[in-house]
PDB file of N, CA and C in Angstrom:
ATOM      1  N   MET A   1      75.112  17.448 -95.931  1.00  0.00           N
ATOM      2  CA  MET A   1      76.165  17.997 -95.111  1.00  0.00           C
ATOM      3  C   MET A   1      76.042  17.550 -93.658  1.00  0.00           C
ATOM      4  N   LEU A   2      75.085  16.718 -93.340  1.00  0.00           N
ATOM      5  CA  LEU A   2      74.909  16.292 -91.962  1.00  0.00           C
ATOM      6  C   LEU A   2      76.045  15.395 -91.489  1.00  0.00           C
ATOM      7  N   GLU A   3      76.753  14.760 -92.410  1.00  0.00           N
ATOM      8  CA  GLU A   3      77.825  13.861 -92.009  1.00  0.00           C
ATOM      9  C   GLU A   3      79.136  14.598 -91.673  1.00  0.00           C
ATOM     10  N   HIS A   4      79.175  15.888 -91.844  1.00  0.00           N
ATOM     11  CA  HIS A   4      80.371  16.668 -91.533  1.00  0.00           C
ATOM     12  C   HIS A   4      80.316  17.142 -90.093  1.00  0.00           C
ATOM     13  N   LEU A   5      81.419  17.003 -89.392  1.00  0.00           N
ATOM     14  CA  LEU A   5      81.475  17.443 -88.002  1.00  0.00           C
ATOM     15  C   LEU A   5      81.382  18.963 -87.911  1.00  0.00           C
ATOM     16  N   GLY A   6      80.604  19.443 -86.976  1.00  0.00           N
ATOM     17  CA  GLY A   6      80.513  20.872 -86.728  1.00  0.00           C
ATOM     18  C   GLY A   6      79.468  21.602 -87.542  1.00  0.00           C
ATOM     19  N   ASN A   7      78.771  20.913 -88.443  1.00  0.00           N
ATOM     20  CA  ASN A   7      77.771  21.608 -89.263  1.00  0.00           C
ATOM     21  C   ASN A   7      76.619  22.169 -88.446  1.00  0.00           C
ATOM     22  N   GLY A   8      76.318  21.566 -87.314  1.00  0.00           N
ATOM     23  CA  GLY A   8      75.258  22.082 -86.469  1.00  0.00           C
ATOM     24  C   GLY A   8      75.589  23.416 -85.839  1.00  0.00           C
ATOM     25  N   HIS A   9      76.858  23.748 -85.780  1.00  0.00           N
ATOM     26  CA  HIS A   9      77.310  25.007 -85.184  1.00  0.00           C
ATOM     27  C   HIS A   9      77.716  26.030 -86.232  1.00  0.00           C
ATOM     28  N   ARG A  10      77.413  25.735 -87.449  1.00  0.00           N
ATOM     29  CA  ARG A  10      77.796  26.605 -88.546  1.00  0.00           C
ATOM     30  C   ARG A  10      76.875  27.816 -88.627  1.00  0.00           C
ATOM     31  N   CYS A  11      77.459  28.995 -88.782  1.00  0.00           N
ATOM     32  CA  CYS A  11      76.686  30.232 -88.896  1.00  0.00           C
ATOM     33  C   CYS A  11      76.376  30.476 -90.377  1.00  0.00           C
ATOM     34  N   THR A  12      75.096  30.633 -90.714  1.00  0.00           N
ATOM     35  CA  THR A  12      74.716  30.870 -92.113  1.00  0.00           C
ATOM     36  C   THR A  12      73.853  32.115 -92.274  1.00  0.00           C
ATOM     37  N   VAL A  13      73.750  32.945 -91.245  1.00  0.00           N
ATOM     38  CA  VAL A  13      72.949  34.170 -91.341  1.00  0.00           C
ATOM     39  C   VAL A  13      73.819  35.374 -91.016  1.00  0.00           C
ATOM     40  N   GLY A  14      73.398  36.530 -91.468  1.00  0.00           N
ATOM     41  CA  GLY A  14      74.129  37.758 -91.187  1.00  0.00           C
ATOM     42  C   GLY A  14      75.365  37.899 -92.064  1.00  0.00           C
ATOM     43  N   TYR A  15      76.150  38.907 -91.753  1.00  0.00           N
ATOM     44  CA  TYR A  15      77.347  39.209 -92.537  1.00  0.00           C
ATOM     45  C   TYR A  15      78.341  38.054 -92.488  1.00  0.00           C
ATOM     46  N   ARG A  16      78.655  37.581 -91.272  1.00  0.00           N
ATOM     47  CA  ARG A  16      79.620  36.497 -91.129  1.00  0.00           C
ATOM     48  C   ARG A  16      79.124  35.211 -91.783  1.00  0.00           C
ATOM     49  N   GLY A  17      77.858  34.904 -91.606  1.00  0.00           N
ATOM     50  CA  GLY A  17      77.292  33.709 -92.205  1.00  0.00           C
ATOM     51  C   GLY A  17      77.345  33.751 -93.720  1.00  0.00           C
ATOM     52  N   THR A  18      77.042  34.934 -94.287  1.00  0.00           N
ATOM     53  CA  THR A  18      77.089  35.096 -95.737  1.00  0.00           C
ATOM     54  C   THR A  18      78.503  34.892 -96.250  1.00  0.00           C
ATOM     55  N   LEU A  19      79.481  35.466 -95.561  1.00  0.00           N
ATOM     56  CA  LEU A  19      80.876  35.270 -95.965  1.00  0.00           C
ATOM     57  C   LEU A  19      81.272  33.798 -95.899  1.00  0.00           C
ATOM     58  N   ASP A  20      80.868  33.106 -94.829  1.00  0.00           N
ATOM     59  CA  ASP A  20      81.189  31.687 -94.691  1.00  0.00           C
ATOM     60  C   ASP A  20      80.592  30.871 -95.830  1.00  0.00           C
ATOM     61  N   VAL A  21      79.342  31.180 -96.194  1.00  0.00           N
ATOM     62  CA  VAL A  21      78.688  30.459 -97.286  1.00  0.00           C
ATOM     63  C   VAL A  21      79.390  30.746 -98.611  1.00  0.00           C
ATOM     64  N   LEU A  22      79.732  31.999 -98.859  1.00  0.00           N
ATOM     65  CA  LEU A  22      80.431  32.348-100.105  1.00  0.00           C
ATOM     66  C   LEU A  22      81.800  31.682-100.190  1.00  0.00           C
ATOM     67  N   PHE A  23      82.518  31.656 -99.075  1.00  0.00           N
ATOM     68  CA  PHE A  23      83.823  30.982 -99.069  1.00  0.00           C
ATOM     69  C   PHE A  23      83.667  29.487 -99.311  1.00  0.00           C
ATOM     70  N   ALA A  24      82.645  28.871 -98.732  1.00  0.00           N
ATOM     71  CA  ALA A  24      82.404  27.443 -98.930  1.00  0.00           C
ATOM     72  C   ALA A  24      82.093  27.145-100.397  1.00  0.00           C
ATOM     73  N   ILE A  25      81.256  27.980-101.012  1.00  0.00           N
ATOM     74  CA  ILE A  25      80.931  27.801-102.436  1.00  0.00           C
ATOM     75  C   ILE A  25      82.172  27.989-103.293  1.00  0.00           C
ATOM     76  N   GLY A  26      82.950  29.017-103.004  1.00  0.00           N
ATOM     77  CA  GLY A  26      84.190  29.254-103.750  1.00  0.00           C
ATOM     78  C   GLY A  26      85.153  28.090-103.638  1.00  0.00           C
ATOM     79  N   ASN A  27      85.290  27.524-102.442  1.00  0.00           N
ATOM     80  CA  ASN A  27      86.178  26.375-102.262  1.00  0.00           C
ATOM     81  C   ASN A  27      85.679  25.156-103.026  1.00  0.00           C
ATOM     82  N   MET A  28      84.360  24.963-103.080  1.00  0.00           N
ATOM     83  CA  MET A  28      83.806  23.849-103.863  1.00  0.00           C
ATOM     84  C   MET A  28      84.108  24.034-105.351  1.00  0.00           C
ATOM     85  N   LEU A  29      83.965  25.268-105.839  1.00  0.00           N
ATOM     86  CA  LEU A  29      84.259  25.539-107.248  1.00  0.00           C
ATOM     87  C   LEU A  29      85.734  25.329-107.553  1.00  0.00           C
ATOM     88  N   LEU A  30      86.611  25.774-106.658  1.00  0.00           N
ATOM     89  CA  LEU A  30      88.044  25.563-106.861  1.00  0.00           C
ATOM     90  C   LEU A  30      88.398  24.075-106.869  1.00  0.00           C
ATOM     91  N   ALA A  31      87.799  23.308-105.983  1.00  0.00           N
ATOM     92  CA  ALA A  31      88.061  21.869-105.926  1.00  0.00           C
ATOM     93  C   ALA A  31      87.578  21.178-107.200  1.00  0.00           C
ATOM     94  N   ALA A  32      86.401  21.569-107.689  1.00  0.00           N
ATOM     95  CA  ALA A  32      85.870  20.977-108.912  1.00  0.00           C
ATOM     96  C   ALA A  32      86.757  21.316-110.104  1.00  0.00           C
ATOM     97  N   ASP A  33      87.233  22.560-110.173  1.00  0.00           N
ATOM     98  CA  ASP A  33      88.109  22.963-111.269  1.00  0.00           C
ATOM     99  C   ASP A  33      89.432  22.213-111.202  1.00  0.00           C
ATOM    100  N   GLU A  34      89.954  22.016-109.999  1.00  0.00           N
ATOM    101  CA  GLU A  34      91.209  21.287-109.838  1.00  0.00           C
ATOM    102  C   GLU A  34      91.057  19.827-110.277  1.00  0.00           C
ATOM    103  N   GLU A  35      89.948  19.194-109.912  1.00  0.00           N
ATOM    104  CA  GLU A  35      89.693  17.815-110.325  1.00  0.00           C
ATOM    105  C   GLU A  35      89.595  17.714-111.839  1.00  0.00           C
ATOM    106  N   ARG A  36      88.893  18.659-112.447  1.00  0.00           N
ATOM    107  CA  ARG A  36      88.739  18.659-113.910  1.00  0.00           C
ATOM    108  C   ARG A  36      90.088  18.853-114.593  1.00  0.00           C
ATOM    109  N   THR A  37      90.888  19.762-114.066  1.00  0.00           N
ATOM    110  CA  THR A  37      92.196  20.024-114.647  1.00  0.00           C
ATOM    111  C   THR A  37      93.091  18.795-114.551  1.00  0.00           C
ATOM    112  N   HIS A  38      93.088  18.133-113.389  1.00  0.00           N
ATOM    113  CA  HIS A  38      93.903  16.924-113.233  1.00  0.00           C
ATOM    114  C   HIS A  38      93.457  15.835-114.201  1.00  0.00           C
ATOM    115  N   ALA A  39      92.156  15.688-114.379  1.00  0.00           N
ATOM    116  CA  ALA A  39      91.648  14.681-115.307  1.00  0.00           C
ATOM    117  C   ALA A  39      92.100  14.984-116.731  1.00  0.00           C
ATOM    118  N   LEU A  40      92.047  16.248-117.124  1.00  0.00           N
ATOM    119  CA  LEU A  40      92.483  16.624-118.470  1.00  0.00           C
ATOM    120  C   LEU A  40      93.973  16.382-118.671  1.00  0.00           C
ATOM    121  N   VAL A  41      94.776  16.689-117.658  1.00  0.00           N
ATOM    122  CA  VAL A  41      96.223  16.496-117.760  1.00  0.00           C
ATOM    123  C   VAL A  41      96.550  15.010-117.878  1.00  0.00           C
ATOM    124  N   HIS A  42      95.887  14.181-117.067  1.00  0.00           N
ATOM    125  CA  HIS A  42      96.152  12.746-117.134  1.00  0.00           C
ATOM    126  C   HIS A  42      95.718  12.176-118.481  1.00  0.00           C
ATOM    127  N   ARG A  43      94.601  12.646-118.998  1.00  0.00           N
ATOM    128  CA  ARG A  43      94.144  12.172-120.312  1.00  0.00           C
ATOM    129  C   ARG A  43      95.136  12.585-121.394  1.00  0.00           C
ATOM    130  N   TRP A  44      95.662  13.808-121.289  1.00  0.00           N
ATOM    131  CA  TRP A  44      96.630  14.287-122.266  1.00  0.00           C
ATOM    132  C   TRP A  44      97.917  13.474-122.198  1.00  0.00           C
ATOM    133  N   ARG A  45      98.390  13.181-120.960  1.00  0.00           N
ATOM    134  CA  ARG A  45      99.611  12.405-120.795  1.00  0.00           C
ATOM    135  C   ARG A  45      99.483  10.995-121.347  1.00  0.00           C
ATOM    136  N   GLU A  46      98.288  10.437-121.269  1.00  0.00           N
ATOM    137  CA  GLU A  46      98.064   9.078-121.778  1.00  0.00           C
ATOM    138  C   GLU A  46      97.835   9.056-123.278  1.00  0.00           C
ATOM    139  N   GLY A  47      97.868  10.207-123.915  1.00  0.00           N
ATOM    140  CA  GLY A  47      97.719  10.274-125.358  1.00  0.00           C
ATOM    141  C   GLY A  47      96.280  10.277-125.812  1.00  0.00           C
ATOM    142  N   GLY A  48      95.398  10.701-124.933  1.00  0.00           N
ATOM    143  CA  GLY A  48      93.965  10.751-125.275  1.00  0.00           C
ATOM    144  C   GLY A  48      93.648  11.936-126.151  1.00  0.00           C
ATOM    145  N   ASP A  49      92.392  12.259-126.208  1.00  0.00           N
ATOM    146  CA  ASP A  49      91.910  13.377-127.006  1.00  0.00           C
ATOM    147  C   ASP A  49      92.597  14.663-126.566  1.00  0.00           C
ATOM    148  N   GLU A  50      93.169  15.393-127.542  1.00  0.00           N
ATOM    149  CA  GLU A  50      93.911  16.609-127.208  1.00  0.00           C
ATOM    150  C   GLU A  50      93.046  17.861-127.249  1.00  0.00           C
ATOM    151  N   SER A  51      91.764  17.729-127.541  1.00  0.00           N
ATOM    152  CA  SER A  51      90.910  18.915-127.540  1.00  0.00           C
ATOM    153  C   SER A  51      90.429  19.196-126.131  1.00  0.00           C
ATOM    154  N   PHE A  52      90.670  20.387-125.675  1.00  0.00           N
ATOM    155  CA  PHE A  52      90.299  20.774-124.321  1.00  0.00           C
ATOM    156  C   PHE A  52      89.112  21.652-124.438  1.00  0.00           C
TER     157      PHE A  52
END
């Protein structure tokens, strides 16, 4: 995460820090699920394996 701007000023302790970390993890999970869903849809459209 060192290549991201502003990471040195990121709060990761206390109530606010915990919320920020949880939101970051949640956003990563949502992004991963979205990528997986798009891949499945494209595979289905191309006539690939229909088992999800």
